[in-house]
Amino acid sequence: MPKNRLTPVDRLLPLPLPIFHMLLALTEGERHGYALKRSILQRTQGRLNLGSGALYGSINKMLQEGLIEESDERPDPHLDDERRRYYRITALGRRVAQAEAMRLRDLVRLAESRLELPELA
């Protein structure tokens, strides 16, 4: 497909790995930046540890692209720092994450057909 005919979803693919992980985390519910970092650390068994620049740079990029939005809702103020910003995934963000997951699935299928991969235990 020519570059000028890309859909809003296609023009954002492939997603950088940190952004894909953040969108996946936000499908589970609203989170603030540090909670996104912790979720990614846990999900990747510590293999993807985002520094502040990468974390908040990615959040700003996702906000600009309309993949996420800042939430107006706040948890109980006694349980949270009022300075924290909470984010949620948008409908576009969900569609982009789905498209990226399908792209990765197709890539894995190609690798499986070309490489001798060991069976999962």
Protein backbone atom coordinates (compact mmCIF):
# COMPACT_ATOMS: atom_id res chain seq x y z
CA MET A 1 0.00 0.00 0.00
CA PRO A 2 1.48 3.41 -0.95
CA LYS A 3 2.59 5.57 1.96
CA ASN A 4 -0.04 8.25 1.33
CA ARG A 5 -2.82 5.64 1.50
CA LEU A 6 -1.99 4.24 4.92
CA THR A 7 -4.81 4.12 7.43
CA PRO A 8 -4.40 5.95 10.75
CA VAL A 9 -3.65 2.55 12.31
CA ASP A 10 -1.17 1.38 9.67
CA ARG A 11 0.85 4.58 9.74
CA LEU A 12 1.73 3.90 13.39
CA LEU A 13 3.05 0.37 12.76
CA PRO A 14 5.34 -1.19 13.72
CA LEU A 15 5.02 0.04 17.29
CA PRO A 16 8.11 0.55 19.40
CA LEU A 17 8.23 -2.26 21.99
CA PRO A 18 7.80 0.04 25.04
CA ILE A 19 4.68 1.60 23.52
CA PHE A 20 3.18 -1.81 22.73
CA HIS A 21 3.79 -2.92 26.32
CA MET A 22 2.24 0.27 27.69
CA LEU A 23 -0.87 -0.14 25.54
CA LEU A 24 -1.18 -3.75 26.71
CA ALA A 25 -0.95 -2.60 30.33
CA LEU A 26 -3.60 0.04 29.76
CA THR A 27 -6.04 -2.56 28.41
CA GLU A 28 -6.19 -3.76 32.03
CA GLY A 29 -7.26 -0.34 33.30
CA GLU A 30 -6.06 3.19 33.93
CA ARG A 31 -2.55 3.64 35.24
CA HIS A 32 -0.09 6.40 36.07
CA GLY A 33 3.42 6.43 34.61
CA TYR A 34 5.20 4.62 37.40
CA ALA A 35 2.49 1.92 37.51
CA LEU A 36 3.03 1.39 33.77
CA LYS A 37 6.75 0.95 34.41
CA ARG A 38 6.08 -1.61 37.18
CA SER A 39 3.58 -3.51 35.05
CA ILE A 40 6.06 -3.78 32.18
CA LEU A 41 8.85 -4.87 34.52
CA GLN A 42 6.63 -7.59 35.92
CA ARG A 43 5.31 -8.72 32.53
CA THR A 44 8.83 -8.95 31.05
CA GLN A 45 10.42 -10.51 34.16
CA GLY A 46 12.63 -7.42 34.47
CA ARG A 47 13.96 -7.54 30.89
CA LEU A 48 12.37 -4.23 29.85
CA ASN A 49 13.20 -1.55 32.41
CA LEU A 50 12.23 1.86 31.06
CA GLY A 51 14.08 4.89 32.31
CA SER A 52 12.18 8.10 33.01
CA GLY A 53 13.04 9.62 29.63
CA ALA A 54 11.85 6.60 27.64
CA LEU A 55 8.76 6.17 29.82
CA TYR A 56 7.51 9.75 29.75
CA GLY A 57 8.71 10.34 26.19
CA SER A 58 6.60 7.35 25.09
CA ILE A 59 3.62 8.59 27.11
CA ASN A 60 3.88 12.02 25.45
CA LYS A 61 4.13 10.43 21.99
CA MET A 62 1.07 8.24 22.68
CA LEU A 63 -0.87 11.30 23.86
CA GLN A 64 0.07 13.23 20.70
CA GLU A 65 -0.90 10.30 18.46
CA GLY A 66 -4.24 9.83 20.26
CA LEU A 67 -3.41 6.31 21.48
CA ILE A 68 -4.03 7.25 25.10
CA GLU A 69 -5.68 10.09 26.95
CA GLU A 70 -5.35 11.55 30.38
CA SER A 71 -8.07 10.46 32.75
CA ASP A 72 -10.08 12.94 34.81
CA GLU A 73 -10.96 10.27 37.35
CA ARG A 74 -8.78 9.95 40.43
CA PRO A 75 -8.51 7.24 43.03
CA ASP A 76 -9.16 8.08 46.66
CA PRO A 77 -6.92 11.10 47.38
CA HIS A 78 -5.84 9.53 50.67
CA LEU A 79 -4.41 6.58 48.75
CA ASP A 80 -2.73 8.50 45.95
CA ASP A 81 -0.39 11.38 45.18
CA GLU A 82 -2.47 14.19 43.69
CA ARG A 83 0.38 15.09 41.29
CA ARG A 84 0.09 11.79 39.43
CA ARG A 85 -1.47 11.77 36.00
CA TYR A 86 -3.54 8.75 35.04
CA TYR A 87 -3.87 7.49 31.49
CA ARG A 88 -6.32 5.26 29.64
CA ILE A 89 -6.20 3.67 26.23
CA THR A 90 -8.38 5.19 23.49
CA ALA A 91 -10.35 3.33 20.83
CA LEU A 92 -7.57 4.17 18.35
CA GLY A 93 -4.97 2.90 20.81
CA ARG A 94 -6.83 -0.39 21.15
CA ARG A 95 -7.09 -0.78 17.35
CA VAL A 96 -3.37 -0.02 16.94
CA ALA A 97 -2.44 -2.53 19.68
CA GLN A 98 -4.63 -5.17 18.00
CA ALA A 99 -3.01 -4.49 14.62
CA GLU A 100 0.46 -4.74 16.16
CA ALA A 101 -0.45 -8.03 17.84
CA MET A 102 -1.66 -9.40 14.49
CA ARG A 103 1.52 -8.16 12.79
CA LEU A 104 3.64 -9.91 15.42
CA ARG A 105 1.55 -13.09 15.18
CA ASP A 106 2.14 -13.18 11.42
CA LEU A 107 5.85 -12.62 11.99
CA VAL A 108 6.01 -15.51 14.47
CA ARG A 109 4.14 -17.76 12.03
CA LEU A 110 6.68 -16.88 9.34
CA ALA A 111 9.56 -17.63 11.73
CA GLU A 112 7.97 -20.95 12.70
CA SER A 113 7.69 -21.92 9.04
CA ARG A 114 11.32 -21.02 8.31
CA LEU A 115 13.18 -21.94 11.50
CA GLU A 116 13.36 -25.08 13.56
CA LEU A 117 11.92 -23.78 16.80
CA PRO A 118 11.91 -26.00 19.88
CA GLU A 119 8.52 -26.98 21.27
CA LEU A 120 7.32 -25.03 24.29
CA ALA A 121 7.56 -26.90 27.56
